[in-house]
Amino acid sequence: MNSRTHYLVLAILGTLLPYGLWAHFLVTNDFSVSAVVETLMNPLALALLAELVVASVVFWIYMARQAAKYDIPHLWMFITLNIVVGLSCAWPLFMYVRRGRINTLMAIQGLKVSV
C-alpha cells in the first residue's frame, strides 16, 4: 500500500471514528445539548480541546506553506473540513492531495515518482 492510500484510509477513519463516538454519545444521552455542554466543561475535555485548537493552527500554517510550495488550490476546503469534521480527517486528506501533487510535478519533470 502506497503513502497516498495510507493517507486516504486515515482520512476515512478520521471521519468515521469521531462521528461514530459522537453519535454514540448523543444517542446514549437522548440528544441532550446540556449533556454536550456539561461534558465540554470538564477540565480534561477543555485541555483536549485546547490541544486540538493548537494542533489545528499548526496544521493551517503547515498547509499554507506546503500549498504555496506545491501550488495546491482550494485550501478553504481543508479548513472547512478541519472545523466541521475534524483535524483527524482534514490533515490526512491534505497529505493525500499533497502527495498526489508532488507525484504529478515529479512526473512532469521526468523524475521517478516515489510511493
N, C-alpha and C. Protein backbone atom coordinates (compact mmCIF):
# COMPACT_ATOMS: atom_id res chain seq x y z
N MET A 1 0.84 -1.17 0.00
CA MET A 1 0.00 0.00 0.00
C MET A 1 0.89 1.24 0.00
N ASN A 2 0.64 2.16 -0.94
CA ASN A 2 1.49 3.35 -1.01
C ASN A 2 1.03 4.43 -0.03
N SER A 3 1.83 5.49 0.10
CA SER A 3 1.53 6.52 1.09
C SER A 3 0.22 7.24 0.82
N ARG A 4 -0.12 7.42 -0.45
CA ARG A 4 -1.40 8.08 -0.76
C ARG A 4 -2.56 7.25 -0.24
N THR A 5 -2.48 5.95 -0.42
CA THR A 5 -3.55 5.08 0.07
C THR A 5 -3.63 5.13 1.58
N HIS A 6 -2.48 5.14 2.25
CA HIS A 6 -2.47 5.27 3.71
C HIS A 6 -3.18 6.54 4.14
N TYR A 7 -2.86 7.65 3.49
CA TYR A 7 -3.48 8.93 3.85
C TYR A 7 -4.99 8.90 3.63
N LEU A 8 -5.42 8.30 2.54
CA LEU A 8 -6.85 8.23 2.25
C LEU A 8 -7.57 7.37 3.29
N VAL A 9 -7.00 6.24 3.64
CA VAL A 9 -7.59 5.37 4.67
C VAL A 9 -7.66 6.12 6.00
N LEU A 10 -6.60 6.85 6.35
CA LEU A 10 -6.61 7.62 7.60
C LEU A 10 -7.65 8.72 7.58
N ALA A 11 -7.85 9.37 6.43
CA ALA A 11 -8.88 10.41 6.34
C ALA A 11 -10.27 9.82 6.54
N ILE A 12 -10.51 8.65 5.96
CA ILE A 12 -11.81 7.98 6.12
C ILE A 12 -12.01 7.58 7.58
N LEU A 13 -11.00 6.96 8.17
CA LEU A 13 -11.08 6.59 9.60
C LEU A 13 -11.23 7.82 10.48
N GLY A 14 -10.55 8.90 10.10
CA GLY A 14 -10.61 10.15 10.85
C GLY A 14 -11.96 10.82 10.77
N THR A 15 -12.79 10.38 9.84
CA THR A 15 -14.18 10.85 9.76
C THR A 15 -15.09 9.90 10.53
N LEU A 16 -14.97 8.62 10.25
CA LEU A 16 -15.90 7.64 10.81
C LEU A 16 -15.75 7.45 12.32
N LEU A 17 -14.53 7.35 12.82
CA LEU A 17 -14.35 7.09 14.25
C LEU A 17 -14.88 8.22 15.13
N PRO A 18 -14.50 9.48 14.90
CA PRO A 18 -15.05 10.54 15.76
C PRO A 18 -16.57 10.68 15.62
N TYR A 19 -17.08 10.60 14.40
CA TYR A 19 -18.53 10.73 14.23
C TYR A 19 -19.26 9.55 14.86
N GLY A 20 -18.68 8.37 14.83
CA GLY A 20 -19.28 7.22 15.50
C GLY A 20 -19.35 7.43 17.00
N LEU A 21 -18.27 7.96 17.57
CA LEU A 21 -18.26 8.24 19.01
C LEU A 21 -19.25 9.34 19.38
N TRP A 22 -19.33 10.38 18.55
CA TRP A 22 -20.31 11.46 18.78
C TRP A 22 -21.73 10.90 18.70
N ALA A 23 -22.00 10.08 17.71
CA ALA A 23 -23.34 9.51 17.55
C ALA A 23 -23.69 8.66 18.77
N HIS A 24 -22.75 7.84 19.23
CA HIS A 24 -22.99 7.02 20.41
C HIS A 24 -23.28 7.90 21.63
N PHE A 25 -22.49 8.93 21.82
CA PHE A 25 -22.69 9.85 22.94
C PHE A 25 -24.07 10.50 22.87
N LEU A 26 -24.43 11.00 21.69
CA LEU A 26 -25.72 11.68 21.56
C LEU A 26 -26.89 10.73 21.78
N VAL A 27 -26.80 9.52 21.26
CA VAL A 27 -27.89 8.55 21.43
C VAL A 27 -28.03 8.16 22.90
N THR A 28 -26.91 7.89 23.56
CA THR A 28 -26.99 7.46 24.96
C THR A 28 -27.41 8.60 25.90
N ASN A 29 -27.30 9.84 25.44
CA ASN A 29 -27.71 11.00 26.25
C ASN A 29 -28.97 11.66 25.69
N ASP A 30 -29.74 10.91 24.92
CA ASP A 30 -31.03 11.40 24.37
C ASP A 30 -30.89 12.73 23.63
N PHE A 31 -29.79 12.90 22.91
CA PHE A 31 -29.56 14.10 22.10
C PHE A 31 -29.62 15.38 22.92
N SER A 32 -29.19 15.31 24.15
CA SER A 32 -29.25 16.43 25.08
C SER A 32 -28.11 17.41 24.83
N VAL A 33 -28.48 18.65 24.53
CA VAL A 33 -27.48 19.70 24.34
C VAL A 33 -26.79 19.99 25.67
N SER A 34 -27.55 19.94 26.75
CA SER A 34 -26.96 20.21 28.07
C SER A 34 -25.90 19.16 28.43
N ALA A 35 -26.09 17.91 27.99
CA ALA A 35 -25.08 16.87 28.24
C ALA A 35 -23.80 17.17 27.49
N VAL A 36 -23.94 17.68 26.27
CA VAL A 36 -22.75 18.05 25.49
C VAL A 36 -22.01 19.19 26.17
N VAL A 37 -22.75 20.23 26.56
CA VAL A 37 -22.14 21.39 27.22
C VAL A 37 -21.48 20.96 28.53
N GLU A 38 -22.17 20.14 29.31
CA GLU A 38 -21.64 19.67 30.59
C GLU A 38 -20.34 18.88 30.39
N THR A 39 -20.33 18.04 29.37
CA THR A 39 -19.14 17.24 29.08
C THR A 39 -17.98 18.13 28.65
N LEU A 40 -18.26 19.14 27.83
CA LEU A 40 -17.19 20.02 27.34
C LEU A 40 -16.67 20.96 28.42
N MET A 41 -17.40 21.14 29.51
CA MET A 41 -16.94 21.99 30.61
C MET A 41 -16.03 21.24 31.58
N ASN A 42 -15.85 19.96 31.37
CA ASN A 42 -14.94 19.17 32.18
C ASN A 42 -13.52 19.66 31.91
N PRO A 43 -12.69 19.85 32.94
CA PRO A 43 -11.32 20.35 32.73
C PRO A 43 -10.49 19.49 31.77
N LEU A 44 -10.66 18.18 31.83
CA LEU A 44 -9.92 17.31 30.91
C LEU A 44 -10.38 17.54 29.47
N ALA A 45 -11.68 17.67 29.26
CA ALA A 45 -12.21 17.93 27.92
C ALA A 45 -11.71 19.28 27.42
N LEU A 46 -11.66 20.27 28.30
CA LEU A 46 -11.15 21.60 27.90
C LEU A 46 -9.68 21.53 27.53
N ALA A 47 -8.90 20.74 28.26
CA ALA A 47 -7.48 20.59 27.94
C ALA A 47 -7.31 19.93 26.58
N LEU A 48 -8.11 18.90 26.30
CA LEU A 48 -8.04 18.24 24.99
C LEU A 48 -8.50 19.17 23.88
N LEU A 49 -9.51 19.97 24.16
CA LEU A 49 -10.00 20.94 23.17
C LEU A 49 -8.92 21.99 22.87
N ALA A 50 -8.24 22.47 23.92
CA ALA A 50 -7.15 23.43 23.71
C ALA A 50 -6.04 22.82 22.86
N GLU A 51 -5.71 21.58 23.16
CA GLU A 51 -4.68 20.89 22.37
C GLU A 51 -5.11 20.77 20.90
N LEU A 52 -6.37 20.45 20.68
CA LEU A 52 -6.89 20.32 19.32
C LEU A 52 -6.86 21.65 18.58
N VAL A 53 -7.17 22.73 19.26
CA VAL A 53 -7.13 24.06 18.62
C VAL A 53 -5.69 24.41 18.23
N VAL A 54 -4.74 24.17 19.11
CA VAL A 54 -3.34 24.46 18.80
C VAL A 54 -2.87 23.60 17.63
N ALA A 55 -3.20 22.32 17.65
CA ALA A 55 -2.81 21.42 16.55
C ALA A 55 -3.45 21.87 15.23
N SER A 56 -4.67 22.36 15.28
CA SER A 56 -5.33 22.84 14.07
C SER A 56 -4.62 24.07 13.51
N VAL A 57 -4.22 24.97 14.38
CA VAL A 57 -3.49 26.16 13.92
C VAL A 57 -2.16 25.76 13.29
N VAL A 58 -1.47 24.82 13.91
CA VAL A 58 -0.21 24.31 13.35
C VAL A 58 -0.47 23.71 11.97
N PHE A 59 -1.54 22.94 11.85
CA PHE A 59 -1.91 22.35 10.56
C PHE A 59 -2.17 23.43 9.52
N TRP A 60 -2.90 24.47 9.88
CA TRP A 60 -3.21 25.53 8.91
C TRP A 60 -1.94 26.23 8.43
N ILE A 61 -1.00 26.47 9.33
CA ILE A 61 0.27 27.10 8.95
C ILE A 61 1.06 26.17 8.03
N TYR A 62 1.18 24.91 8.43
CA TYR A 62 1.88 23.92 7.60
C TYR A 62 1.21 23.80 6.23
N MET A 63 -0.11 23.73 6.22
CA MET A 63 -0.85 23.57 4.98
C MET A 63 -0.63 24.77 4.05
N ALA A 64 -0.66 25.97 4.60
CA ALA A 64 -0.47 27.17 3.78
C ALA A 64 0.93 27.17 3.15
N ARG A 65 1.93 26.79 3.91
CA ARG A 65 3.30 26.76 3.37
C ARG A 65 3.46 25.68 2.30
N GLN A 66 2.91 24.50 2.56
CA GLN A 66 3.00 23.42 1.59
C GLN A 66 2.19 23.73 0.34
N ALA A 67 1.04 24.35 0.51
CA ALA A 67 0.20 24.71 -0.64
C ALA A 67 0.92 25.72 -1.52
N ALA A 68 1.61 26.67 -0.91
CA ALA A 68 2.38 27.65 -1.70
C ALA A 68 3.54 26.96 -2.41
N LYS A 69 4.19 26.05 -1.74
CA LYS A 69 5.35 25.35 -2.31
C LYS A 69 4.96 24.47 -3.49
N TYR A 70 3.82 23.77 -3.37
CA TYR A 70 3.43 22.80 -4.40
C TYR A 70 2.21 23.25 -5.23
N ASP A 71 1.81 24.50 -5.06
CA ASP A 71 0.70 25.07 -5.83
C ASP A 71 -0.57 24.23 -5.67
N ILE A 72 -0.97 24.02 -4.43
CA ILE A 72 -2.17 23.24 -4.12
C ILE A 72 -3.33 24.22 -3.92
N PRO A 73 -4.39 24.09 -4.72
CA PRO A 73 -5.52 25.03 -4.60
C PRO A 73 -6.54 24.58 -3.54
N HIS A 74 -7.52 25.42 -3.32
CA HIS A 74 -8.70 25.11 -2.51
C HIS A 74 -8.38 24.83 -1.04
N LEU A 75 -7.54 25.64 -0.43
CA LEU A 75 -7.23 25.45 0.99
C LEU A 75 -8.47 25.61 1.87
N TRP A 76 -9.41 26.41 1.42
CA TRP A 76 -10.64 26.60 2.19
C TRP A 76 -11.34 25.27 2.46
N MET A 77 -11.21 24.33 1.52
CA MET A 77 -11.86 23.03 1.68
C MET A 77 -11.29 22.29 2.91
N PHE A 78 -9.98 22.34 3.09
CA PHE A 78 -9.35 21.64 4.21
C PHE A 78 -9.63 22.34 5.54
N ILE A 79 -9.68 23.68 5.51
CA ILE A 79 -10.02 24.42 6.73
C ILE A 79 -11.46 24.12 7.13
N THR A 80 -12.36 24.08 6.15
CA THR A 80 -13.76 23.74 6.43
C THR A 80 -13.87 22.33 6.99
N LEU A 81 -13.17 21.38 6.38
CA LEU A 81 -13.17 20.01 6.90
C LEU A 81 -12.62 19.96 8.32
N ASN A 82 -11.59 20.73 8.59
CA ASN A 82 -10.99 20.76 9.92
C ASN A 82 -12.01 21.25 10.95
N ILE A 83 -12.78 22.26 10.60
CA ILE A 83 -13.76 22.82 11.53
C ILE A 83 -15.01 21.95 11.65
N VAL A 84 -15.51 21.44 10.53
CA VAL A 84 -16.78 20.71 10.51
C VAL A 84 -16.60 19.23 10.87
N VAL A 85 -15.60 18.58 10.29
CA VAL A 85 -15.40 17.15 10.53
C VAL A 85 -14.35 16.95 11.61
N GLY A 86 -13.18 17.52 11.42
CA GLY A 86 -12.13 17.42 12.42
C GLY A 86 -10.75 17.32 11.81
N LEU A 87 -9.78 17.56 12.64
CA LEU A 87 -8.37 17.50 12.22
C LEU A 87 -8.01 16.10 11.75
N SER A 88 -8.62 15.09 12.36
CA SER A 88 -8.31 13.70 12.02
C SER A 88 -8.73 13.33 10.60
N CYS A 89 -9.57 14.13 9.99
CA CYS A 89 -9.94 13.94 8.59
C CYS A 89 -9.17 14.91 7.69
N ALA A 90 -9.13 16.18 8.08
CA ALA A 90 -8.56 17.22 7.23
C ALA A 90 -7.07 17.04 6.98
N TRP A 91 -6.30 16.70 8.01
CA TRP A 91 -4.85 16.60 7.84
C TRP A 91 -4.48 15.45 6.92
N PRO A 92 -4.97 14.22 7.15
CA PRO A 92 -4.58 13.15 6.21
C PRO A 92 -5.11 13.37 4.80
N LEU A 93 -6.26 14.01 4.66
CA LEU A 93 -6.77 14.29 3.32
C LEU A 93 -5.88 15.31 2.61
N PHE A 94 -5.42 16.32 3.34
CA PHE A 94 -4.48 17.27 2.75
C PHE A 94 -3.20 16.56 2.34
N MET A 95 -2.71 15.66 3.18
CA MET A 95 -1.48 14.93 2.84
C MET A 95 -1.69 14.05 1.62
N TYR A 96 -2.88 13.49 1.47
CA TYR A 96 -3.23 12.71 0.28
C TYR A 96 -3.16 13.58 -0.98
N VAL A 97 -3.76 14.76 -0.91
CA VAL A 97 -3.75 15.68 -2.06
C VAL A 97 -2.32 16.17 -2.32
N ARG A 98 -1.60 16.50 -1.26
CA ARG A 98 -0.21 16.98 -1.40
C ARG A 98 0.66 15.93 -2.08
N ARG A 99 0.54 14.67 -1.64
CA ARG A 99 1.34 13.60 -2.25
C ARG A 99 0.99 13.43 -3.72
N GLY A 100 -0.28 13.54 -4.06
CA GLY A 100 -0.68 13.46 -5.46
C GLY A 100 -0.09 14.59 -6.28
N ARG A 101 -0.07 15.79 -5.70
CA ARG A 101 0.51 16.95 -6.40
C ARG A 101 2.01 16.77 -6.60
N ILE A 102 2.69 16.28 -5.58
CA ILE A 102 4.13 16.04 -5.69
C ILE A 102 4.40 14.99 -6.77
N ASN A 103 3.61 13.91 -6.79
CA ASN A 103 3.78 12.88 -7.81
C ASN A 103 3.58 13.45 -9.21
N THR A 104 2.57 14.31 -9.37
CA THR A 104 2.31 14.93 -10.67
C THR A 104 3.48 15.81 -11.10
N LEU A 105 3.99 16.63 -10.18
CA LEU A 105 5.12 17.51 -10.50
C LEU A 105 6.36 16.70 -10.85
N MET A 106 6.58 15.61 -10.15
CA MET A 106 7.75 14.76 -10.45
C MET A 106 7.60 14.10 -11.81
N ALA A 107 6.39 13.67 -12.14
CA ALA A 107 6.16 13.04 -13.44
C ALA A 107 6.37 14.04 -14.56
N ILE A 108 5.94 15.27 -14.37
CA ILE A 108 6.12 16.33 -15.38
C ILE A 108 7.61 16.58 -15.61
N GLN A 109 8.38 16.53 -14.55
CA GLN A 109 9.83 16.76 -14.65
C GLN A 109 10.58 15.52 -15.10
N GLY A 110 9.87 14.41 -15.28
CA GLY A 110 10.51 13.19 -15.74
C GLY A 110 11.25 12.44 -14.64
N LEU A 111 10.93 12.75 -13.39
CA LEU A 111 11.57 12.08 -12.28
C LEU A 111 10.77 10.86 -11.86
N LYS A 112 11.44 9.92 -11.22
CA LYS A 112 10.75 8.74 -10.74
C LYS A 112 9.84 9.12 -9.58
N VAL A 113 8.58 8.72 -9.67
CA VAL A 113 7.61 9.03 -8.63
C VAL A 113 7.76 8.02 -7.51
N SER A 114 7.99 8.54 -6.29
CA SER A 114 8.10 7.64 -5.15
C SER A 114 6.73 7.33 -4.60
N VAL A 115 6.64 6.22 -3.90
CA VAL A 115 5.35 5.82 -3.35
C VAL A 115 5.21 6.18 -1.91
